Protein backbone atom coordinates (compact mmCIF):
# COMPACT_ATOMS: atom_id res chain seq x y z
CA UNK A 1 -222.16 183.34 112.21
CA UNK A 2 -220.98 180.47 110.85
CA UNK A 3 -222.98 177.39 111.41
CA UNK A 4 -220.57 174.08 112.97
CA UNK A 5 -220.42 171.35 112.18
CA UNK A 6 -221.75 167.76 113.70
CA UNK A 7 -217.45 166.93 115.08
CA UNK A 8 -217.41 170.41 115.87
CA UNK A 9 -219.89 170.56 118.32
CA UNK A 10 -219.52 167.03 119.52
CA UNK A 11 -216.04 167.99 120.17
CA UNK A 12 -216.92 170.96 121.90
CA UNK A 13 -219.39 169.20 124.37
CA UNK A 14 -216.75 166.75 125.00
CA UNK A 15 -214.57 169.53 125.93
CA UNK A 16 -217.10 170.72 128.67
CA UNK A 17 -217.66 167.10 130.03
CA UNK A 18 -213.77 166.77 130.43
CA UNK A 19 -213.88 169.88 132.22
CA UNK A 20 -216.43 169.46 134.31
CA UNK A 21 -215.97 167.55 137.67
CA UNK A 22 -219.26 165.84 137.77
CA UNK A 23 -221.45 164.35 135.46
CA UNK A 24 -223.87 167.43 133.56
CA UNK A 25 -227.34 167.53 132.51
CA UNK A 26 -228.28 168.96 128.92
CA UNK A 27 -229.00 172.45 130.56
CA UNK A 28 -225.68 172.90 132.28
CA UNK A 29 -224.07 171.84 128.91
CA UNK A 30 -225.73 174.20 127.00
CA UNK A 31 -225.23 177.22 129.65
CA UNK A 32 -221.29 176.15 129.07
CA UNK A 33 -221.79 176.61 125.14
CA UNK A 34 -219.26 179.39 123.75
CA UNK A 35 -222.39 179.86 121.36
CA UNK A 36 -226.25 179.77 122.07
CA UNK A 37 -228.00 176.59 121.06
CA UNK A 38 -231.40 175.07 121.49
CA UNK A 39 -231.73 172.37 124.61
CA UNK A 40 -233.07 169.69 122.33
CA UNK A 41 -230.13 170.45 120.08
CA UNK A 42 -227.46 169.90 123.21
CA UNK A 43 -229.83 166.11 123.84
CA UNK A 44 -229.10 165.20 120.27
CA UNK A 45 -225.52 165.88 120.55
CA UNK A 46 -225.15 164.43 124.02
CA UNK A 47 -227.49 161.17 122.74
CA UNK A 48 -225.26 160.95 119.92
CA UNK A 49 -222.14 160.49 121.56
CA UNK A 50 -223.63 158.41 123.97
CA UNK A 51 -224.54 155.51 120.49
CA UNK A 52 -221.00 156.38 120.16
CA UNK A 53 -219.31 155.13 123.43
CA UNK A 54 -217.85 158.24 124.32
CA UNK A 55 -220.56 159.21 126.95
CA UNK A 56 -222.09 157.67 129.91
CA UNK A 57 -225.78 159.26 130.82
CA UNK A 58 -227.10 158.48 134.24
CA UNK A 59 -230.50 159.53 135.74
CA UNK A 60 -231.33 162.24 137.99
CA UNK A 61 -234.45 162.23 138.58
CA UNK A 62 -236.44 162.55 135.51
CA UNK A 63 -233.38 163.28 133.03
CA UNK A 64 -229.97 162.41 132.40
CA UNK A 65 -226.77 163.49 133.61
CA UNK A 66 -223.88 162.82 131.29
CA UNK A 67 -220.17 162.10 131.53
CA UNK A 68 -217.63 161.54 128.98
CA UNK A 69 -216.35 157.92 128.93
CA UNK A 70 -212.44 158.34 128.30
CA UNK A 71 -209.89 161.50 128.90
CA UNK A 72 -209.30 164.14 126.62
CA UNK A 73 -205.74 162.32 125.87
CA UNK A 74 -206.87 159.18 125.20
CA UNK A 75 -208.97 160.41 122.89
CA UNK A 76 -206.83 162.49 121.30
CA UNK A 77 -204.14 159.51 121.23
CA UNK A 78 -206.85 157.57 119.42
CA UNK A 79 -207.45 160.72 116.74
CA UNK A 80 -203.69 160.14 116.12
CA UNK A 81 -203.48 156.26 116.01
CA UNK A 82 -206.49 156.80 113.55
CA UNK A 83 -204.60 158.99 111.32
CA UNK A 84 -201.79 156.89 111.38
CA UNK A 85 -203.50 153.74 110.31
CA UNK A 86 -205.09 155.49 107.73
CA UNK A 87 -201.60 156.30 106.27
CA UNK A 88 -199.86 153.67 104.04
CA UNK A 89 -196.47 155.40 104.96
CA UNK A 90 -196.24 155.81 108.59
CA UNK A 91 -192.48 156.30 108.80
CA UNK A 92 -193.25 159.77 106.21
CA UNK A 93 -195.99 160.74 108.51
CA UNK A 94 -194.42 160.24 112.11
CA UNK A 95 -191.35 162.15 110.46
CA UNK A 96 -193.65 164.93 109.73
CA UNK A 97 -195.26 165.28 112.95
CA UNK A 98 -191.99 164.97 114.67
CA UNK A 99 -190.47 167.72 112.59
CA UNK A 100 -193.14 169.64 113.55
CA UNK A 101 -192.49 169.24 117.27
CA UNK A 102 -190.87 172.38 119.49
CA UNK A 103 -187.47 170.78 120.67
CA UNK A 104 -189.00 170.65 124.57
CA UNK A 105 -191.31 168.26 122.79
CA UNK A 106 -189.10 166.44 120.91
CA UNK A 107 -186.65 165.95 123.90
CA UNK A 108 -189.95 164.75 125.80
CA UNK A 109 -190.49 162.20 122.96
CA UNK A 110 -186.88 161.40 122.85
CA UNK A 111 -186.61 160.85 126.70
CA UNK A 112 -190.42 158.66 126.93
CA UNK A 113 -188.94 155.98 123.81
CA UNK A 114 -185.59 155.48 125.20
CA UNK A 115 -186.70 154.91 128.57
CA UNK A 116 -189.20 152.57 127.20
CA UNK A 117 -191.99 154.55 128.88
CA UNK A 118 -194.24 154.48 125.81
């Protein structure tokens, strides 16, 4: 079994939080992980995500419950924007991205741009 990198594990925890209706305690996150991970490891990941501002924690008795601070859609948009900012040739990057979209997604993008919704 391959060990996950920190970024992969953080993303998996974020996905669990995004899917939850309410804030989750570390044990609840631990139960929902695809692979078994020690409670302390889950708590460490949640603490790291809190420090990055991606998660907030709320006191629940003697423990904490965690909730994502942003939606999955906003987080993904931020990742795309970061990549764009890191690339000097925006036009080539955007053209390459759009060329890989399905016809349906290209049409949706075209409609959003023409309607001024983005």
